[in-house]
Amino acid sequence: EVTPVVVTIDPEGDTPAAMAAALPRYHPRLVGLTGSAEALEAARAAFRVELEQVGMQPDGRPLYIHGNIVYLVGPEGRVRGLLPPLASPARMAEAIAALL
């Protein structure tokens, strides 16, 4: 009933292949979304994600600071709740269970 999803802020580094290799380490069903700069900008605007490039990583890729709120989205596509970044695993489980 729950599908965890992340949306990249770095489409150059987070290619579909890179995300497919990395995301299962966090959760076996974690879905990673990437796309064109325009599509990602629209997604960030829709979810009010703050993003700022603050430098470069040693490998030459951009380094970003960004929001990290977890959005709880229902099957109809509507945001049903938010989890702040410092919520405990127990609190996250309670919030998710309440929506199921």
Protein backbone atom coordinates (compact mmCIF):
# COMPACT_ATOMS: atom_id res chain seq x y z
CA GLU A 1 0.00 0.00 0.00
CA VAL A 2 3.01 2.31 0.40
CA THR A 3 5.54 3.15 -2.27
CA PRO A 4 8.52 5.20 -1.16
CA VAL A 5 9.61 7.69 -3.83
CA VAL A 6 12.48 10.17 -4.09
CA VAL A 7 12.79 12.92 -6.68
CA THR A 8 16.33 13.88 -7.67
CA ILE A 9 17.71 17.36 -7.34
CA ASP A 10 20.74 16.41 -9.45
CA PRO A 11 19.59 14.88 -12.76
CA GLU A 12 23.12 14.89 -14.19
CA GLY A 13 24.44 12.72 -11.37
CA ASP A 14 21.22 10.85 -10.59
CA THR A 15 20.75 9.10 -13.90
CA PRO A 16 18.21 6.27 -14.06
CA ALA A 17 21.09 3.76 -13.94
CA ALA A 18 22.74 5.44 -10.95
CA MET A 19 19.46 5.63 -9.06
CA ALA A 20 18.61 2.00 -9.86
CA ALA A 21 21.95 0.94 -8.38
CA ALA A 22 21.84 3.16 -5.27
CA LEU A 23 18.25 3.27 -4.06
CA PRO A 24 17.76 -0.42 -3.13
CA ARG A 25 20.36 0.09 -0.39
CA TYR A 26 17.84 2.32 1.39
CA HIS A 27 14.64 0.36 0.70
CA PRO A 28 13.97 -2.50 -1.72
CA ARG A 29 10.95 -0.75 -3.26
CA LEU A 30 12.26 2.81 -3.26
CA VAL A 31 11.40 4.46 -6.57
CA GLY A 32 13.64 7.20 -7.92
CA LEU A 33 12.30 9.89 -10.25
CA THR A 34 14.41 12.00 -12.57
CA GLY A 35 13.74 13.88 -15.78
CA SER A 36 14.41 17.02 -17.71
CA ALA A 37 15.41 20.22 -15.95
CA GLU A 38 11.98 21.65 -16.75
CA ALA A 39 10.09 18.65 -15.34
CA LEU A 40 12.15 18.65 -12.17
CA GLU A 41 11.69 22.39 -11.72
CA ALA A 42 7.92 21.87 -11.99
CA ALA A 43 8.07 19.09 -9.38
CA ARG A 44 10.14 21.26 -7.03
CA ALA A 45 7.69 24.13 -7.47
CA ALA A 46 4.70 21.87 -6.83
CA PHE A 47 6.19 20.59 -3.58
CA ARG A 48 7.89 23.87 -2.65
CA VAL A 49 11.34 22.28 -2.48
CA GLU A 50 14.09 24.76 -1.75
CA LEU A 51 17.31 24.09 -3.62
CA GLU A 52 20.60 25.96 -3.82
CA GLN A 53 23.90 24.98 -5.37
CA VAL A 54 26.59 25.79 -2.80
CA GLY A 55 29.72 24.46 -4.44
CA MET A 56 31.26 21.55 -6.25
CA GLN A 57 32.06 18.04 -5.06
CA PRO A 58 35.60 16.67 -5.49
CA ASP A 59 34.43 14.70 -8.55
CA GLY A 60 33.22 17.92 -10.22
CA ARG A 61 29.49 17.40 -9.65
CA PRO A 62 27.44 20.22 -8.10
CA LEU A 63 26.88 20.23 -4.33
CA TYR A 64 23.39 21.26 -3.23
CA ILE A 65 21.57 22.10 -0.05
CA HIS A 66 17.88 21.29 -0.22
CA GLY A 67 14.75 20.55 1.72
CA ASN A 68 14.20 17.01 2.91
CA ILE A 69 10.59 16.79 4.01
CA VAL A 70 8.87 13.46 3.41
CA TYR A 71 5.51 13.93 1.68
CA LEU A 72 2.79 11.36 2.29
CA VAL A 73 0.83 11.21 -0.96
CA GLY A 74 -2.36 9.21 -1.33
CA PRO A 75 -3.25 7.01 -4.29
CA GLU A 76 -5.26 9.90 -5.76
CA GLY A 77 -2.07 12.00 -5.93
CA ARG A 78 -3.04 14.39 -3.14
CA VAL A 79 -0.58 15.20 -0.33
CA ARG A 80 -2.11 13.71 2.83
CA GLY A 81 0.64 14.59 5.30
CA LEU A 82 4.22 15.68 5.85
CA LEU A 83 7.03 14.18 7.90
CA PRO A 84 9.70 16.57 9.12
CA PRO A 85 13.32 15.50 8.62
CA LEU A 86 13.95 14.92 12.33
CA ALA A 87 10.87 12.78 13.01
CA SER A 88 11.71 9.57 14.80
CA PRO A 89 11.12 6.25 13.02
CA ALA A 90 8.34 5.53 15.53
CA ARG A 91 6.60 8.84 14.77
CA MET A 92 6.95 8.23 11.03
CA ALA A 93 5.42 4.76 11.41
CA GLU A 94 2.50 6.20 13.41
CA ALA A 95 1.81 8.88 10.78
CA ILE A 96 1.96 6.41 7.91
CA ALA A 97 -0.19 3.83 9.72
CA ALA A 98 -2.84 6.47 10.36
CA LEU A 99 -3.19 7.01 6.60
CA LEU A 100 -3.43 3.34 5.64
